[in-house]
Structures are given as structure tokens and as C-alpha cells.
């Protein structure tokens, strides 16, 4: 009898271990916790903030099981500061892991700014990219308000405090003021593209006039590395 009880106990123990292993293995498969992994950071639409992409980038950077990261970009660009912020974090990630970029239908302006931080850039032949430039627009409703008998009164404590107001046309000195800011940001863009694409600043300036390019043209110009899909990347 004692021997039989021991066999039953051993059998139950083996069954429990097998069940635990199966559960653990199943959870591992579902969560993808086994083996080396490739992380994917998606950046799509107009870039207005950097929080979500940066959280993914930092998470992948700190995860030792993630051996490489693909930055998938499908964006026409957006605000300068968030684009620069993501670009900086991608550079930090690249210092630790392989980082490739896959461009969707559009990867232009701020989207391309971010892309340059990748080790290798892939695009489709018809991908719209480039647009290395900076833009600011102003809608002026001054004449419209006059037609409907309305006017705007502004009280300010600084000469340029209401520069760019939609209620009046810009003065020449205000246009020059904004132009100097845009030129400064444009130079930062050019400098970073030249650095990441291993070109001279002078060469980048020749096509950094806001023009867009197809993936084919971008490859011939050295703005990307390869023609290929997300899965090629």
C-alpha cells in the first residue's frame, strides 16, 4: 500500500508540473515573452505630440529581449518640437540597438526629420518624402471685420506681443522677426539631415527648399537607403 500511495503521489505531482508548464508556455506564446523580439514604433498622422512614440521607444530600449526596432512612419510632418524630441529619442535608441525605418505612403517634413535618426531607411517607390523646410501660416480677417462693422482692440505690453494676430496685417519688422525664427529652425533641420545622411550641409541645402520627392528620387539623392516594404525592412 505505501508503494502504491507513493506512485499515486508521484503521478499527481507530475501532472501538476505538466499543467503549470503548459499554462506558463501558453502565456509565454500569447505575450511573446520567449526569444528575441523586434519592436515596432508607429508614427502616423500629423505630429502634434511626442508622448506615445517616446514611451514605446524608451520601453523597447530598456527591454533586453528586444534586439532591434522598426520605426514605421506614415506622416506628412507636424510641429517642430515634438518631431525633434522623437528624433532625439530614436538616436538614443540607435546607440543601444539596431533601428531601421519603414516609410509608408508619406514620410515628409517632421516625419522625415525623425526618419533620419534610423540606421537604414526603407521606402516604397511612390512614397512621398523630403519636404525639408519650415512653414508658418497666418489667416488675416481684418478686411472681413471691416465689412461687417466690427473691429478688434488690442492692449499689449510688448512690441511683438501680438505679432501674427489674425485681426491685422503683419508689419515688415514682424515678418522679418518670424522669418528669422523659421530660418533658424530650418538650419537645425538641414544640419541634422546632413549629419545623419553623411552629407555636407551645402549639398543638403540644394534640395532643402520644401520640395517633396518620390521614394525612387529620394534613393538616388541619398535621402533613403533602400526601396522596400515594411516586411523587407
Protein backbone atom coordinates (compact mmCIF):
# COMPACT_ATOMS: atom_id res chain seq x y z
CA UNK A 1 0.00 0.00 0.00
CA UNK A 2 2.70 2.59 0.86
CA UNK A 3 4.35 1.94 -2.52
CA UNK A 4 1.04 2.41 -4.30
CA UNK A 5 0.38 5.69 -2.47
CA UNK A 6 3.85 6.89 -3.40
CA UNK A 7 3.19 6.12 -7.08
CA UNK A 8 -0.14 7.97 -6.98
CA UNK A 9 1.50 10.94 -5.27
CA UNK A 10 4.30 10.98 -7.85
CA UNK A 11 1.78 10.82 -10.69
CA UNK A 12 -0.24 13.71 -9.24
CA UNK A 13 2.96 15.74 -8.79
CA UNK A 14 3.99 15.11 -12.41
CA UNK A 15 0.52 16.12 -13.65
CA UNK A 16 0.65 19.36 -11.65
CA UNK A 17 4.10 20.21 -13.02
CA UNK A 18 2.89 19.45 -16.57
CA UNK A 19 -0.19 21.68 -16.15
CA UNK A 20 1.87 24.54 -14.72
CA UNK A 21 4.37 24.23 -17.59
CA UNK A 22 1.59 24.20 -20.20
CA UNK A 23 -0.05 27.28 -18.68
CA UNK A 24 3.27 29.11 -18.49
CA UNK A 25 4.16 28.12 -22.05
CA UNK A 26 0.75 29.23 -23.37
CA UNK A 27 1.00 32.58 -21.60
CA UNK A 28 4.50 32.97 -22.98
CA UNK A 29 3.32 32.35 -26.52
CA UNK A 30 0.43 34.80 -26.15
CA UNK A 31 2.61 37.51 -24.65
CA UNK A 32 5.59 36.86 -26.91
CA UNK A 33 7.89 36.63 -23.89
CA UNK A 34 10.09 33.88 -25.31
CA UNK A 35 13.09 34.55 -27.53
CA UNK A 36 14.45 37.67 -29.14
CA UNK A 37 11.99 40.23 -30.48
CA UNK A 38 11.75 43.18 -32.85
CA UNK A 39 9.85 46.20 -31.58
CA UNK A 40 7.69 48.37 -33.82
CA UNK A 41 7.05 52.06 -33.13
CA UNK A 42 4.25 53.51 -35.23
CA UNK A 43 4.11 57.23 -36.03
CA UNK A 44 1.10 58.18 -38.12
CA UNK A 45 -0.86 61.29 -38.96
CA UNK A 46 0.08 64.87 -38.19
CA UNK A 47 2.70 65.05 -35.45
CA UNK A 48 1.34 67.23 -32.66
CA UNK A 49 2.79 65.47 -29.61
CA UNK A 50 5.61 63.06 -28.81
CA UNK A 51 4.46 61.25 -25.65
CA UNK A 52 3.16 57.96 -27.11
CA UNK A 53 6.02 57.27 -29.57
CA UNK A 54 8.63 58.15 -26.95
CA UNK A 55 7.06 55.80 -24.40
CA UNK A 56 7.35 52.95 -26.92
CA UNK A 57 10.92 53.90 -27.80
CA UNK A 58 12.03 54.00 -24.16
CA UNK A 59 10.22 50.72 -23.36
CA UNK A 60 11.97 48.93 -26.23
CA UNK A 61 15.31 50.49 -25.28
CA UNK A 62 15.07 49.06 -21.77
CA UNK A 63 13.78 45.61 -22.83
CA UNK A 64 16.77 43.30 -23.30
CA UNK A 65 14.69 40.81 -25.29
CA UNK A 66 14.11 43.45 -27.99
CA UNK A 67 17.14 43.23 -30.26
CA UNK A 68 16.03 45.71 -32.90
CA UNK A 69 13.31 48.27 -33.59
CA UNK A 70 11.45 49.32 -36.73
CA UNK A 71 10.15 52.89 -36.78
CA UNK A 72 7.10 52.81 -39.07
CA UNK A 73 6.27 56.33 -40.25
CA UNK A 74 3.24 57.42 -42.23
CA UNK A 75 3.12 61.15 -41.57
CA UNK A 76 3.25 64.42 -43.51
CA UNK A 77 5.02 66.05 -40.56
CA UNK A 78 3.70 68.46 -37.99
CA UNK A 79 5.00 70.54 -35.11
CA UNK A 80 8.75 71.05 -34.92
CA UNK A 81 9.39 70.44 -31.21
CA UNK A 82 7.66 67.03 -30.98
CA UNK A 83 9.40 65.91 -34.19
CA UNK A 84 12.79 66.93 -32.77
CA UNK A 85 12.00 65.27 -29.46
CA UNK A 86 11.17 61.92 -31.10
CA UNK A 87 14.25 62.27 -33.35
CA UNK A 88 16.46 62.66 -30.27
CA UNK A 89 14.98 59.59 -28.57
CA UNK A 90 15.41 57.49 -31.71
CA UNK A 91 19.10 58.48 -31.74
CA UNK A 92 19.46 57.33 -28.12
CA UNK A 93 17.76 54.05 -29.03
CA UNK A 94 20.08 53.59 -32.03
CA UNK A 95 23.07 53.88 -29.71
CA UNK A 96 21.92 50.65 -28.00
CA UNK A 97 20.06 48.68 -30.67
CA UNK A 98 19.55 48.29 -34.40
CA UNK A 99 16.97 50.80 -35.63
CA UNK A 100 15.52 50.68 -39.15
CA UNK A 101 12.86 52.95 -40.61
CA UNK A 102 9.97 51.88 -42.83
CA UNK A 103 8.16 54.69 -44.64
CA UNK A 104 4.50 54.38 -45.58
CA UNK A 105 2.69 56.44 -48.20
CA UNK A 106 4.04 59.70 -46.75
CA UNK A 107 7.10 60.42 -44.64
CA UNK A 108 7.78 64.10 -45.10
CA UNK A 109 8.90 67.21 -43.21
CA UNK A 110 8.85 66.32 -39.48
CA UNK A 111 8.25 62.68 -40.41
CA UNK A 112 11.43 62.64 -42.47
CA UNK A 113 13.26 64.51 -39.68
CA UNK A 114 12.50 61.59 -37.35
CA UNK A 115 13.37 59.03 -40.03
CA UNK A 116 16.91 60.35 -40.44
CA UNK A 117 17.77 59.04 -36.96
CA UNK A 118 17.38 55.47 -38.23
CA UNK A 119 20.32 53.31 -39.25
CA UNK A 120 18.67 52.27 -42.53
CA UNK A 121 15.73 53.94 -44.27
CA UNK A 122 13.29 51.99 -46.46
CA UNK A 123 10.54 53.46 -48.65
CA UNK A 124 8.25 52.39 -51.47
CA UNK A 125 8.90 53.76 -54.99
CA UNK A 126 5.85 56.01 -54.66
CA UNK A 127 6.42 57.10 -51.05
CA UNK A 128 6.28 60.89 -50.70
CA UNK A 129 9.21 62.08 -48.63
CA UNK A 130 11.55 65.04 -48.24
CA UNK A 131 9.87 68.41 -47.72
CA UNK A 132 12.87 69.68 -45.78
CA UNK A 133 11.56 73.07 -44.78
CA UNK A 134 9.61 75.01 -42.19
CA UNK A 135 6.31 76.81 -42.64
CA UNK A 136 4.11 79.19 -40.67
CA UNK A 137 0.77 80.46 -41.93
CA UNK A 138 -1.48 83.32 -40.87
CA UNK A 139 -5.13 83.97 -41.68
CA UNK A 140 -5.99 87.67 -41.63
CA UNK A 141 -9.66 88.64 -41.08
CA UNK A 142 -9.11 92.40 -40.81
CA UNK A 143 -10.92 93.32 -44.05
CA UNK A 144 -13.77 90.90 -43.31
CA UNK A 145 -14.36 92.50 -39.91
CA UNK A 146 -14.47 95.95 -41.53
CA UNK A 147 -17.16 94.77 -43.96
CA UNK A 148 -19.43 93.58 -41.16
CA UNK A 149 -18.72 96.62 -38.99
CA UNK A 150 -16.52 95.02 -36.36
CA UNK A 151 -13.09 95.95 -35.07
CA UNK A 152 -10.53 94.48 -32.71
CA UNK A 153 -8.89 96.43 -29.90
CA UNK A 154 -5.59 95.12 -28.51
CA UNK A 155 -3.81 96.16 -25.33
CA UNK A 156 -0.24 94.90 -25.05
CA UNK A 157 2.96 95.49 -23.09
CA UNK A 158 5.50 94.34 -25.69
CA UNK A 159 6.09 95.50 -29.26
CA UNK A 160 5.84 91.99 -30.73
CA UNK A 161 3.30 90.57 -28.26
CA UNK A 162 0.50 90.46 -30.85
CA UNK A 163 2.70 89.71 -33.84
CA UNK A 164 0.85 87.25 -36.06
CA UNK A 165 -2.59 88.31 -34.83
CA UNK A 166 -5.35 87.38 -37.32
CA UNK A 167 -7.01 90.75 -36.72
CA UNK A 168 -4.44 92.80 -38.62
CA UNK A 169 -1.84 92.51 -41.34
CA UNK A 170 1.78 91.97 -40.33
CA UNK A 171 4.21 94.84 -40.32
CA UNK A 172 7.50 94.46 -42.20
CA UNK A 173 9.51 94.18 -38.99
CA UNK A 174 7.18 91.43 -37.75
CA UNK A 175 7.60 89.45 -40.97
CA UNK A 176 11.37 89.77 -40.60
CA UNK A 177 11.10 88.64 -36.97
CA UNK A 178 9.17 85.47 -37.84
CA UNK A 179 11.37 84.81 -40.85
CA UNK A 180 14.47 84.82 -38.64
CA UNK A 181 12.86 82.22 -36.35
CA UNK A 182 11.88 79.96 -39.27
CA UNK A 183 15.34 80.30 -40.82
CA UNK A 184 16.93 79.23 -37.53
CA UNK A 185 14.70 76.13 -37.27
CA UNK A 186 15.35 75.35 -40.94
CA UNK A 187 19.10 75.41 -40.34
CA UNK A 188 18.67 72.95 -37.46
CA UNK A 189 16.74 70.64 -39.80
CA UNK A 190 19.40 70.90 -42.52
CA UNK A 191 22.23 70.32 -40.06
CA UNK A 192 20.65 67.14 -38.65
CA UNK A 193 19.85 65.74 -42.11
CA UNK A 194 23.44 66.37 -43.19
CA UNK A 195 24.76 64.68 -40.05
CA UNK A 196 22.57 61.57 -40.26
CA UNK A 197 22.76 61.09 -44.03
CA UNK A 198 26.51 61.79 -44.07
CA UNK A 199 26.26 64.70 -46.48
CA UNK A 200 27.68 68.18 -46.46
CA UNK A 201 25.42 70.99 -45.32
CA UNK A 202 25.94 72.64 -48.71
CA UNK A 203 24.62 69.56 -50.52
CA UNK A 204 21.55 69.31 -48.30
CA UNK A 205 20.79 72.98 -48.91
CA UNK A 206 20.47 72.29 -52.64
CA UNK A 207 17.28 70.30 -52.06
CA UNK A 208 16.16 71.65 -48.66
CA UNK A 209 13.70 74.08 -50.22
CA UNK A 210 10.50 72.30 -49.18
CA UNK A 211 10.22 70.10 -52.27
CA UNK A 212 8.84 66.59 -51.93
CA UNK A 213 10.36 63.55 -53.63
CA UNK A 214 9.25 60.04 -54.51
CA UNK A 215 10.99 57.08 -52.92
CA UNK A 216 12.87 56.45 -56.18
CA UNK A 217 14.15 60.03 -56.33
CA UNK A 218 14.98 60.01 -52.62
CA UNK A 219 17.13 56.91 -53.05
CA UNK A 220 19.07 58.43 -55.95
CA UNK A 221 19.66 61.54 -53.84
CA UNK A 222 20.84 59.59 -50.80
CA UNK A 223 17.88 60.56 -48.63
CA UNK A 224 16.96 56.89 -48.09
CA UNK A 225 18.89 53.63 -48.33
CA UNK A 226 16.60 51.04 -49.91
CA UNK A 227 13.35 50.52 -51.74
CA UNK A 228 11.25 48.02 -49.83
CA UNK A 229 8.11 47.23 -47.85
CA UNK A 230 7.62 47.07 -44.12
CA UNK A 231 8.38 43.34 -44.23
CA UNK A 232 11.52 43.92 -46.29
CA UNK A 233 12.62 46.24 -43.51
